[in-house]
Every structure is written in C-alpha cells, then in structure tokens.
N, C-alpha and C. Protein backbone atom coordinates (compact mmCIF):
# COMPACT_ATOMS: atom_id res chain seq x y z
N MET A 1 -57.63 -34.78 -7.76
CA MET A 1 -57.82 -33.70 -6.81
C MET A 1 -56.50 -32.92 -6.68
N ALA A 2 -56.61 -31.63 -6.58
CA ALA A 2 -55.44 -30.76 -6.48
C ALA A 2 -55.03 -30.61 -5.01
N HIS A 3 -53.73 -30.40 -4.80
CA HIS A 3 -53.27 -30.10 -3.45
C HIS A 3 -52.26 -28.96 -3.51
N HIS A 4 -52.14 -28.29 -2.40
CA HIS A 4 -51.23 -27.15 -2.34
C HIS A 4 -49.86 -27.58 -1.82
N GLU A 5 -48.90 -26.77 -2.10
CA GLU A 5 -47.54 -27.00 -1.65
C GLU A 5 -47.53 -27.07 -0.12
N PRO A 6 -46.84 -28.06 0.46
CA PRO A 6 -46.79 -28.15 1.93
C PRO A 6 -46.16 -26.89 2.53
N VAL A 7 -46.60 -26.57 3.75
CA VAL A 7 -46.11 -25.37 4.43
C VAL A 7 -44.59 -25.40 4.56
N ALA A 8 -44.01 -26.56 4.88
CA ALA A 8 -42.55 -26.67 5.04
C ALA A 8 -41.84 -26.31 3.73
N ASP A 9 -42.38 -26.75 2.59
CA ASP A 9 -41.77 -26.42 1.30
C ASP A 9 -41.87 -24.92 1.03
N ARG A 10 -43.00 -24.33 1.38
CA ARG A 10 -43.18 -22.90 1.16
C ARG A 10 -42.19 -22.11 2.02
N LEU A 11 -41.99 -22.53 3.28
CA LEU A 11 -41.02 -21.87 4.14
C LEU A 11 -39.61 -22.03 3.60
N ASP A 12 -39.29 -23.20 3.04
CA ASP A 12 -37.98 -23.41 2.41
C ASP A 12 -37.79 -22.46 1.24
N ASN A 13 -38.84 -22.23 0.46
CA ASN A 13 -38.77 -21.31 -0.68
C ASN A 13 -38.55 -19.86 -0.22
N VAL A 14 -39.21 -19.49 0.88
CA VAL A 14 -39.02 -18.15 1.44
C VAL A 14 -37.57 -18.00 1.88
N ALA A 15 -37.05 -19.00 2.58
CA ALA A 15 -35.65 -18.96 3.02
C ALA A 15 -34.71 -18.90 1.83
N LEU A 16 -35.03 -19.60 0.77
CA LEU A 16 -34.19 -19.59 -0.42
C LEU A 16 -34.14 -18.20 -1.05
N ALA A 17 -35.27 -17.54 -1.17
CA ALA A 17 -35.31 -16.20 -1.76
C ALA A 17 -34.48 -15.23 -0.94
N ARG A 18 -34.62 -15.28 0.37
CA ARG A 18 -33.86 -14.38 1.24
C ARG A 18 -32.37 -14.72 1.18
N THR A 19 -32.05 -16.00 1.16
CA THR A 19 -30.64 -16.42 1.10
C THR A 19 -29.98 -15.97 -0.19
N VAL A 20 -30.66 -16.13 -1.32
CA VAL A 20 -30.11 -15.69 -2.61
C VAL A 20 -29.84 -14.19 -2.58
N ALA A 21 -30.77 -13.41 -2.06
CA ALA A 21 -30.60 -11.96 -1.98
C ALA A 21 -29.44 -11.61 -1.05
N TYR A 22 -29.34 -12.29 0.10
CA TYR A 22 -28.22 -12.02 1.01
C TYR A 22 -26.89 -12.36 0.36
N LEU A 23 -26.82 -13.48 -0.35
CA LEU A 23 -25.57 -13.87 -1.01
C LEU A 23 -25.14 -12.85 -2.07
N LEU A 24 -26.10 -12.39 -2.86
CA LEU A 24 -25.78 -11.37 -3.86
C LEU A 24 -25.36 -10.06 -3.20
N ALA A 25 -26.04 -9.69 -2.12
CA ALA A 25 -25.67 -8.48 -1.40
C ALA A 25 -24.24 -8.59 -0.87
N ALA A 26 -23.91 -9.75 -0.32
CA ALA A 26 -22.54 -9.97 0.18
C ALA A 26 -21.53 -9.92 -0.96
N PHE A 27 -21.90 -10.46 -2.11
CA PHE A 27 -21.02 -10.42 -3.29
C PHE A 27 -20.73 -8.98 -3.68
N PHE A 28 -21.76 -8.14 -3.76
CA PHE A 28 -21.57 -6.74 -4.15
C PHE A 28 -20.72 -6.00 -3.12
N ALA A 29 -20.97 -6.24 -1.84
CA ALA A 29 -20.16 -5.60 -0.80
C ALA A 29 -18.70 -6.04 -0.90
N LEU A 30 -18.48 -7.32 -1.12
CA LEU A 30 -17.11 -7.84 -1.27
C LEU A 30 -16.41 -7.20 -2.46
N ILE A 31 -17.10 -7.08 -3.58
CA ILE A 31 -16.52 -6.45 -4.76
C ILE A 31 -16.16 -5.00 -4.45
N GLY A 32 -17.04 -4.31 -3.73
CA GLY A 32 -16.75 -2.93 -3.35
C GLY A 32 -15.51 -2.83 -2.47
N ILE A 33 -15.36 -3.75 -1.54
CA ILE A 33 -14.19 -3.76 -0.66
C ILE A 33 -12.93 -4.09 -1.46
N LEU A 34 -13.01 -5.12 -2.31
CA LEU A 34 -11.83 -5.53 -3.09
C LEU A 34 -11.35 -4.43 -4.02
N GLY A 35 -12.26 -3.56 -4.44
CA GLY A 35 -11.87 -2.43 -5.28
C GLY A 35 -10.91 -1.48 -4.58
N PHE A 36 -10.86 -1.56 -3.25
CA PHE A 36 -9.95 -0.72 -2.46
C PHE A 36 -8.69 -1.47 -2.02
N VAL A 37 -8.54 -2.72 -2.48
CA VAL A 37 -7.40 -3.53 -2.04
C VAL A 37 -6.35 -3.61 -3.15
N PRO A 38 -5.17 -3.02 -2.87
CA PRO A 38 -4.08 -3.15 -3.86
C PRO A 38 -3.76 -4.63 -4.07
N GLY A 39 -3.52 -5.01 -5.29
CA GLY A 39 -3.31 -6.42 -5.62
C GLY A 39 -4.56 -6.98 -6.27
N ALA A 40 -5.69 -6.89 -5.56
CA ALA A 40 -6.96 -7.27 -6.18
C ALA A 40 -7.29 -6.23 -7.25
N THR A 41 -6.84 -4.99 -6.99
CA THR A 41 -7.01 -3.90 -7.94
C THR A 41 -5.64 -3.47 -8.44
N THR A 42 -5.39 -3.67 -9.72
CA THR A 42 -4.12 -3.23 -10.32
C THR A 42 -4.24 -1.76 -10.71
N GLY A 43 -3.12 -1.09 -10.76
CA GLY A 43 -3.14 0.34 -11.05
C GLY A 43 -3.79 1.12 -9.93
N TYR A 44 -3.74 0.57 -8.72
CA TYR A 44 -4.40 1.17 -7.57
C TYR A 44 -4.00 2.63 -7.38
N ASP A 45 -2.72 2.94 -7.62
CA ASP A 45 -2.22 4.30 -7.42
C ASP A 45 -2.77 5.30 -8.44
N THR A 46 -3.42 4.79 -9.49
CA THR A 46 -4.01 5.68 -10.51
C THR A 46 -5.51 5.89 -10.30
N MET A 47 -6.06 5.28 -9.24
CA MET A 47 -7.50 5.38 -9.00
C MET A 47 -7.88 6.82 -8.69
N THR A 48 -8.94 7.28 -9.35
CA THR A 48 -9.49 8.61 -9.10
C THR A 48 -10.83 8.46 -8.40
N PHE A 49 -11.38 9.59 -7.93
CA PHE A 49 -12.69 9.51 -7.29
C PHE A 49 -13.75 9.04 -8.28
N SER A 50 -13.71 9.57 -9.47
CA SER A 50 -14.66 9.19 -10.52
C SER A 50 -14.05 9.54 -11.86
N GLY A 51 -14.73 9.16 -12.91
CA GLY A 51 -14.29 9.54 -14.26
C GLY A 51 -13.45 8.50 -14.96
N HIS A 52 -13.40 8.65 -16.27
CA HIS A 52 -12.71 7.67 -17.12
C HIS A 52 -11.19 7.72 -16.97
N GLU A 53 -10.67 8.73 -16.28
CA GLU A 53 -9.22 8.84 -16.11
C GLU A 53 -8.66 7.80 -15.15
N SER A 54 -9.53 7.19 -14.35
CA SER A 54 -9.08 6.15 -13.41
C SER A 54 -8.59 4.95 -14.22
N ASN A 55 -7.36 4.56 -13.99
CA ASN A 55 -6.80 3.39 -14.68
C ASN A 55 -6.74 2.17 -13.77
N ALA A 56 -7.39 2.24 -12.61
CA ALA A 56 -7.42 1.10 -11.70
C ALA A 56 -8.34 0.03 -12.26
N LEU A 57 -7.89 -1.23 -12.17
CA LEU A 57 -8.67 -2.35 -12.70
C LEU A 57 -8.83 -3.42 -11.63
N LEU A 58 -10.07 -3.72 -11.27
CA LEU A 58 -10.35 -4.82 -10.35
C LEU A 58 -10.09 -6.12 -11.08
N PHE A 59 -9.30 -6.99 -10.48
CA PHE A 59 -8.90 -8.27 -11.08
C PHE A 59 -8.21 -8.07 -12.42
N ASN A 60 -7.63 -6.88 -12.61
CA ASN A 60 -6.94 -6.53 -13.86
C ASN A 60 -7.88 -6.55 -15.07
N VAL A 61 -9.20 -6.41 -14.83
CA VAL A 61 -10.19 -6.49 -15.91
C VAL A 61 -11.20 -5.34 -15.85
N PHE A 62 -11.80 -5.11 -14.70
CA PHE A 62 -12.93 -4.19 -14.58
C PHE A 62 -12.46 -2.83 -14.08
N GLN A 63 -12.71 -1.78 -14.86
CA GLN A 63 -12.29 -0.44 -14.49
C GLN A 63 -13.08 0.03 -13.27
N VAL A 64 -12.37 0.56 -12.27
CA VAL A 64 -13.03 1.02 -11.05
C VAL A 64 -12.50 2.39 -10.65
N SER A 65 -13.26 3.03 -9.80
CA SER A 65 -12.89 4.30 -9.19
C SER A 65 -13.41 4.25 -7.75
N ILE A 66 -13.11 5.27 -6.99
CA ILE A 66 -13.63 5.31 -5.62
C ILE A 66 -15.15 5.30 -5.66
N LEU A 67 -15.76 6.11 -6.51
CA LEU A 67 -17.21 6.16 -6.63
C LEU A 67 -17.78 4.79 -7.02
N HIS A 68 -17.17 4.14 -7.98
CA HIS A 68 -17.61 2.82 -8.44
C HIS A 68 -17.61 1.84 -7.27
N ASN A 69 -16.54 1.84 -6.48
CA ASN A 69 -16.44 0.94 -5.33
C ASN A 69 -17.49 1.26 -4.27
N VAL A 70 -17.69 2.54 -4.02
CA VAL A 70 -18.69 2.95 -3.03
C VAL A 70 -20.09 2.54 -3.47
N VAL A 71 -20.37 2.66 -4.77
CA VAL A 71 -21.68 2.24 -5.29
C VAL A 71 -21.88 0.73 -5.05
N HIS A 72 -20.84 -0.07 -5.29
CA HIS A 72 -20.96 -1.51 -5.02
C HIS A 72 -21.21 -1.78 -3.54
N LEU A 73 -20.49 -1.08 -2.68
CA LEU A 73 -20.70 -1.24 -1.24
C LEU A 73 -22.13 -0.86 -0.84
N ALA A 74 -22.61 0.26 -1.33
CA ALA A 74 -23.97 0.72 -1.01
C ALA A 74 -25.02 -0.25 -1.54
N PHE A 75 -24.78 -0.80 -2.72
CA PHE A 75 -25.71 -1.77 -3.30
C PHE A 75 -25.75 -3.02 -2.43
N GLY A 76 -24.59 -3.43 -1.91
CA GLY A 76 -24.53 -4.58 -1.02
C GLY A 76 -25.28 -4.34 0.28
N VAL A 77 -25.09 -3.17 0.86
CA VAL A 77 -25.78 -2.82 2.11
C VAL A 77 -27.29 -2.75 1.88
N ALA A 78 -27.71 -2.12 0.79
CA ALA A 78 -29.14 -2.04 0.47
C ALA A 78 -29.73 -3.43 0.26
N GLY A 79 -29.00 -4.29 -0.45
CA GLY A 79 -29.48 -5.65 -0.69
C GLY A 79 -29.64 -6.43 0.60
N ALA A 80 -28.68 -6.28 1.53
CA ALA A 80 -28.77 -6.98 2.82
C ALA A 80 -29.97 -6.48 3.62
N ALA A 81 -30.21 -5.17 3.58
CA ALA A 81 -31.36 -4.62 4.29
C ALA A 81 -32.67 -5.11 3.68
N LEU A 82 -32.73 -5.15 2.37
CA LEU A 82 -33.96 -5.60 1.69
C LEU A 82 -34.18 -7.10 1.86
N ALA A 83 -33.13 -7.88 1.99
CA ALA A 83 -33.25 -9.33 2.08
C ALA A 83 -33.87 -9.80 3.40
N ARG A 84 -34.15 -8.88 4.29
CA ARG A 84 -34.77 -9.26 5.57
C ARG A 84 -36.19 -9.78 5.38
N THR A 85 -36.83 -9.41 4.26
CA THR A 85 -38.17 -9.92 3.97
C THR A 85 -38.17 -10.53 2.57
N VAL A 86 -39.07 -11.44 2.32
CA VAL A 86 -39.13 -12.06 1.01
C VAL A 86 -39.52 -11.04 -0.06
N ARG A 87 -40.42 -10.15 0.28
CA ARG A 87 -40.81 -9.10 -0.68
C ARG A 87 -39.61 -8.20 -1.01
N GLY A 88 -38.87 -7.83 0.02
CA GLY A 88 -37.67 -7.02 -0.18
C GLY A 88 -36.62 -7.76 -0.99
N ALA A 89 -36.45 -9.05 -0.70
CA ALA A 89 -35.46 -9.86 -1.43
C ALA A 89 -35.81 -9.90 -2.91
N ARG A 90 -37.08 -10.16 -3.22
CA ARG A 90 -37.50 -10.19 -4.62
C ARG A 90 -37.36 -8.81 -5.26
N GLY A 91 -37.69 -7.77 -4.50
CA GLY A 91 -37.54 -6.41 -5.01
C GLY A 91 -36.10 -6.06 -5.32
N PHE A 92 -35.19 -6.49 -4.43
CA PHE A 92 -33.76 -6.26 -4.66
C PHE A 92 -33.31 -6.97 -5.93
N LEU A 93 -33.74 -8.21 -6.11
CA LEU A 93 -33.34 -8.96 -7.30
C LEU A 93 -33.91 -8.32 -8.58
N LEU A 94 -35.19 -8.00 -8.57
CA LEU A 94 -35.81 -7.42 -9.76
C LEU A 94 -35.31 -5.99 -10.00
N GLY A 95 -35.38 -5.16 -8.98
CA GLY A 95 -34.95 -3.77 -9.14
C GLY A 95 -33.47 -3.67 -9.47
N GLY A 96 -32.66 -4.47 -8.79
CA GLY A 96 -31.22 -4.48 -9.07
C GLY A 96 -30.94 -4.95 -10.48
N GLY A 97 -31.68 -5.95 -10.93
CA GLY A 97 -31.51 -6.45 -12.29
C GLY A 97 -31.84 -5.38 -13.32
N ILE A 98 -32.91 -4.65 -13.07
CA ILE A 98 -33.29 -3.57 -13.98
C ILE A 98 -32.22 -2.48 -13.99
N VAL A 99 -31.73 -2.12 -12.81
CA VAL A 99 -30.67 -1.10 -12.72
C VAL A 99 -29.44 -1.54 -13.51
N TYR A 100 -29.06 -2.81 -13.36
CA TYR A 100 -27.87 -3.29 -14.07
C TYR A 100 -28.09 -3.33 -15.58
N LEU A 101 -29.29 -3.66 -16.04
CA LEU A 101 -29.55 -3.62 -17.48
C LEU A 101 -29.52 -2.18 -18.00
N LEU A 102 -30.04 -1.24 -17.22
CA LEU A 102 -29.97 0.17 -17.62
C LEU A 102 -28.52 0.65 -17.65
N LEU A 103 -27.73 0.20 -16.69
CA LEU A 103 -26.31 0.55 -16.66
C LEU A 103 -25.58 -0.06 -17.86
N TRP A 104 -25.98 -1.27 -18.26
CA TRP A 104 -25.40 -1.91 -19.45
C TRP A 104 -25.69 -1.06 -20.69
N ILE A 105 -26.94 -0.66 -20.85
CA ILE A 105 -27.32 0.17 -22.00
C ILE A 105 -26.56 1.49 -21.96
N TYR A 106 -26.49 2.10 -20.80
CA TYR A 106 -25.75 3.35 -20.64
C TYR A 106 -24.29 3.17 -21.07
N GLY A 107 -23.68 2.10 -20.60
CA GLY A 107 -22.29 1.82 -20.94
C GLY A 107 -22.06 1.62 -22.43
N LEU A 108 -23.05 1.03 -23.10
CA LEU A 108 -22.94 0.83 -24.55
C LEU A 108 -23.07 2.15 -25.32
N MET A 109 -23.83 3.08 -24.76
CA MET A 109 -24.15 4.32 -25.48
C MET A 109 -23.11 5.42 -25.30
N ILE A 110 -22.40 5.42 -24.19
CA ILE A 110 -21.50 6.55 -23.91
C ILE A 110 -20.15 6.39 -24.60
N ASP A 111 -19.48 7.50 -24.74
CA ASP A 111 -18.09 7.52 -25.19
C ASP A 111 -17.25 7.18 -23.97
N LYS A 112 -16.54 6.07 -24.02
CA LYS A 112 -15.76 5.61 -22.86
C LYS A 112 -14.68 6.62 -22.46
N ALA A 113 -14.24 7.45 -23.39
CA ALA A 113 -13.21 8.45 -23.09
C ALA A 113 -13.81 9.82 -22.79
N GLY A 114 -15.15 9.89 -22.67
CA GLY A 114 -15.82 11.16 -22.45
C GLY A 114 -16.23 11.37 -21.01
N SER A 115 -16.69 12.56 -20.71
CA SER A 115 -17.08 12.92 -19.35
C SER A 115 -18.32 12.17 -18.87
N ALA A 116 -19.12 11.63 -19.78
CA ALA A 116 -20.31 10.86 -19.37
C ALA A 116 -19.92 9.54 -18.70
N ASN A 117 -18.69 9.12 -18.89
CA ASN A 117 -18.21 7.87 -18.28
C ASN A 117 -17.68 8.20 -16.87
N PHE A 118 -18.60 8.59 -15.99
CA PHE A 118 -18.22 9.10 -14.68
C PHE A 118 -17.95 8.03 -13.64
N LEU A 119 -18.40 6.78 -13.83
CA LEU A 119 -18.18 5.76 -12.79
C LEU A 119 -16.73 5.28 -12.67
N PRO A 120 -16.00 4.85 -13.49
CA PRO A 120 -16.00 4.66 -14.93
C PRO A 120 -16.44 3.24 -15.31
N LEU A 121 -16.72 3.05 -16.60
CA LEU A 121 -17.11 1.76 -17.15
C LEU A 121 -16.21 1.42 -18.33
N ASN A 122 -15.84 0.15 -18.44
CA ASN A 122 -15.16 -0.32 -19.64
C ASN A 122 -16.02 -1.43 -20.25
N THR A 123 -15.57 -2.00 -21.35
CA THR A 123 -16.37 -3.02 -22.04
C THR A 123 -16.63 -4.23 -21.15
N ALA A 124 -15.62 -4.63 -20.35
CA ALA A 124 -15.82 -5.76 -19.44
C ALA A 124 -16.92 -5.45 -18.42
N ASP A 125 -16.93 -4.21 -17.90
CA ASP A 125 -18.00 -3.81 -16.98
C ASP A 125 -19.36 -3.91 -17.67
N ASP A 126 -19.43 -3.43 -18.90
CA ASP A 126 -20.70 -3.45 -19.63
C ASP A 126 -21.28 -4.86 -19.68
N TRP A 127 -20.47 -5.83 -20.08
CA TRP A 127 -20.98 -7.18 -20.25
C TRP A 127 -21.22 -7.88 -18.92
N LEU A 128 -20.47 -7.51 -17.90
CA LEU A 128 -20.76 -8.02 -16.56
C LEU A 128 -22.11 -7.47 -16.10
N HIS A 129 -22.36 -6.20 -16.36
CA HIS A 129 -23.65 -5.60 -15.99
C HIS A 129 -24.81 -6.28 -16.71
N PHE A 130 -24.61 -6.62 -17.97
CA PHE A 130 -25.64 -7.35 -18.72
C PHE A 130 -25.93 -8.69 -18.04
N GLY A 131 -24.88 -9.45 -17.75
CA GLY A 131 -25.06 -10.76 -17.11
C GLY A 131 -25.71 -10.65 -15.74
N LEU A 132 -25.28 -9.68 -14.95
CA LEU A 132 -25.88 -9.49 -13.63
C LEU A 132 -27.35 -9.09 -13.76
N GLY A 133 -27.65 -8.20 -14.68
CA GLY A 133 -29.03 -7.76 -14.87
C GLY A 133 -29.94 -8.92 -15.24
N ILE A 134 -29.55 -9.68 -16.24
CA ILE A 134 -30.36 -10.83 -16.66
C ILE A 134 -30.47 -11.85 -15.52
N GLY A 135 -29.34 -12.14 -14.89
CA GLY A 135 -29.34 -13.13 -13.81
C GLY A 135 -30.23 -12.74 -12.65
N MET A 136 -30.16 -11.48 -12.24
CA MET A 136 -30.98 -11.04 -11.11
C MET A 136 -32.45 -11.03 -11.46
N ILE A 137 -32.80 -10.63 -12.68
CA ILE A 137 -34.21 -10.65 -13.08
C ILE A 137 -34.73 -12.08 -13.16
N VAL A 138 -33.95 -12.98 -13.72
CA VAL A 138 -34.36 -14.39 -13.80
C VAL A 138 -34.56 -14.95 -12.39
N LEU A 139 -33.63 -14.67 -11.49
CA LEU A 139 -33.78 -15.15 -10.11
C LEU A 139 -35.04 -14.58 -9.47
N SER A 140 -35.30 -13.30 -9.70
CA SER A 140 -36.51 -12.68 -9.14
C SER A 140 -37.77 -13.35 -9.67
N LEU A 141 -37.78 -13.59 -10.97
CA LEU A 141 -38.97 -14.24 -11.56
C LEU A 141 -39.11 -15.67 -11.09
N ALA A 142 -38.00 -16.37 -10.92
CA ALA A 142 -38.05 -17.74 -10.41
C ALA A 142 -38.59 -17.74 -8.98
N MET A 143 -38.19 -16.78 -8.19
CA MET A 143 -38.69 -16.69 -6.81
C MET A 143 -40.16 -16.34 -6.80
N ARG A 144 -40.57 -15.49 -7.73
CA ARG A 144 -41.99 -15.11 -7.80
C ARG A 144 -42.85 -16.34 -8.12
N THR A 145 -42.36 -17.16 -9.06
CA THR A 145 -43.09 -18.37 -9.43
C THR A 145 -43.20 -19.31 -8.23
N ARG A 146 -42.12 -19.46 -7.50
CA ARG A 146 -42.10 -20.38 -6.37
C ARG A 146 -42.83 -19.82 -5.17
N LEU A 147 -42.90 -18.49 -5.06
CA LEU A 147 -43.46 -17.87 -3.86
C LEU A 147 -44.77 -17.14 -4.10
N GLY A 148 -45.28 -17.20 -5.32
CA GLY A 148 -46.47 -16.45 -5.67
C GLY A 148 -47.65 -16.72 -4.76
N ARG A 149 -48.59 -15.79 -4.77
CA ARG A 149 -49.77 -15.94 -3.91
C ARG A 149 -50.55 -17.20 -4.24
N ALA A 150 -50.71 -17.45 -5.53
CA ALA A 150 -51.46 -18.63 -5.94
C ALA A 150 -50.47 -19.78 -6.15
N THR A 151 -50.54 -20.75 -5.27
CA THR A 151 -49.66 -21.91 -5.40
C THR A 151 -50.22 -22.79 -6.49
N PRO A 152 -49.41 -23.14 -7.49
CA PRO A 152 -49.93 -23.97 -8.58
C PRO A 152 -50.41 -25.31 -8.06
N ALA A 153 -51.52 -25.71 -8.57
CA ALA A 153 -52.06 -27.01 -8.18
C ALA A 153 -51.37 -28.09 -8.99
N SER A 154 -51.20 -29.23 -8.40
CA SER A 154 -50.61 -30.36 -9.13
C SER A 154 -51.54 -31.55 -8.99
N THR A 155 -51.50 -32.36 -9.96
CA THR A 155 -52.35 -33.55 -9.90
C THR A 155 -51.55 -34.71 -9.35
N VAL A 156 -52.23 -35.54 -8.61
CA VAL A 156 -51.54 -36.70 -8.01
C VAL A 156 -51.94 -37.95 -8.71
C-alpha cells in the first residue's frame, strides 16, 4: 500500500525551499555590497559606472562596475521578496538560473573590449555565471521534485 509524505516532512521541504532562496538572495546582496568596499574590490579607484573600462576587480578576480554591483544588490532584494512564498522561491531559483545562463552565453559571445560589454564581464564572471545558472536551476528542480503537487508514493 502506498502512503504520502507526512505533513511535517512537507512543511520542512517548504521551509528548505524558502531558506535556500533567502540564502542565495543574501549572497547576491552581499556580493553587491562588497563590490563597493575597497579592499574586497581591488582597483576600486578605477571603477566606472558601466563598461569594459572599469578595472575594478571583486576579490581581485571578477570585473565589476557600479552598474554590476547595483544589479547584484537588486537581484538579492528581488530574491528575498520572492522567497516569501515557496512558489516565489522556486521561481527565483529557476528564473535566476535561466538569467545567469543567458548572461554566460552573452559573455561568451561579446568582445570583452567592446561597447557590448556594458556590465562589465570578464572570463571569470562568465564561468561563475555558468556555475550559478546550473546550480540555481538544479536547486529549483530539486525543490520541484520535493514539493510537487503529486507526492511520490513509496512502498513499505
């Protein structure tokens, strides 16, 4: 005979989905803030509003600009707002993952020294975006499996 997942386990899964989304939102907000902190960001005095001319590097690796930092902050705020519900949390993970994969593809296609590199992006940013995109989509799908409408039956 099949049985459904206990209500307490389902509530734990809902809390997990929201917690994961909140943690990622906090991560993005923190990265946005650190982009404005000299020391965490080297070449801080060379930071521009946007464009590839910005030579500021977060953690001496990831190219940043004022716009890039603001986008991270906004993404963090949006993620925190969406994480208030399980549907929003999953949407943030899936939608954010898709955005990051599109940003990865964009970064691979543009001339890093050209005007299309308006955020700016460097190779380290590209591969971080790939990892974030895949990771967020996987987390979203894992949450969907655990939180789906039809709870998988198990045999005892």
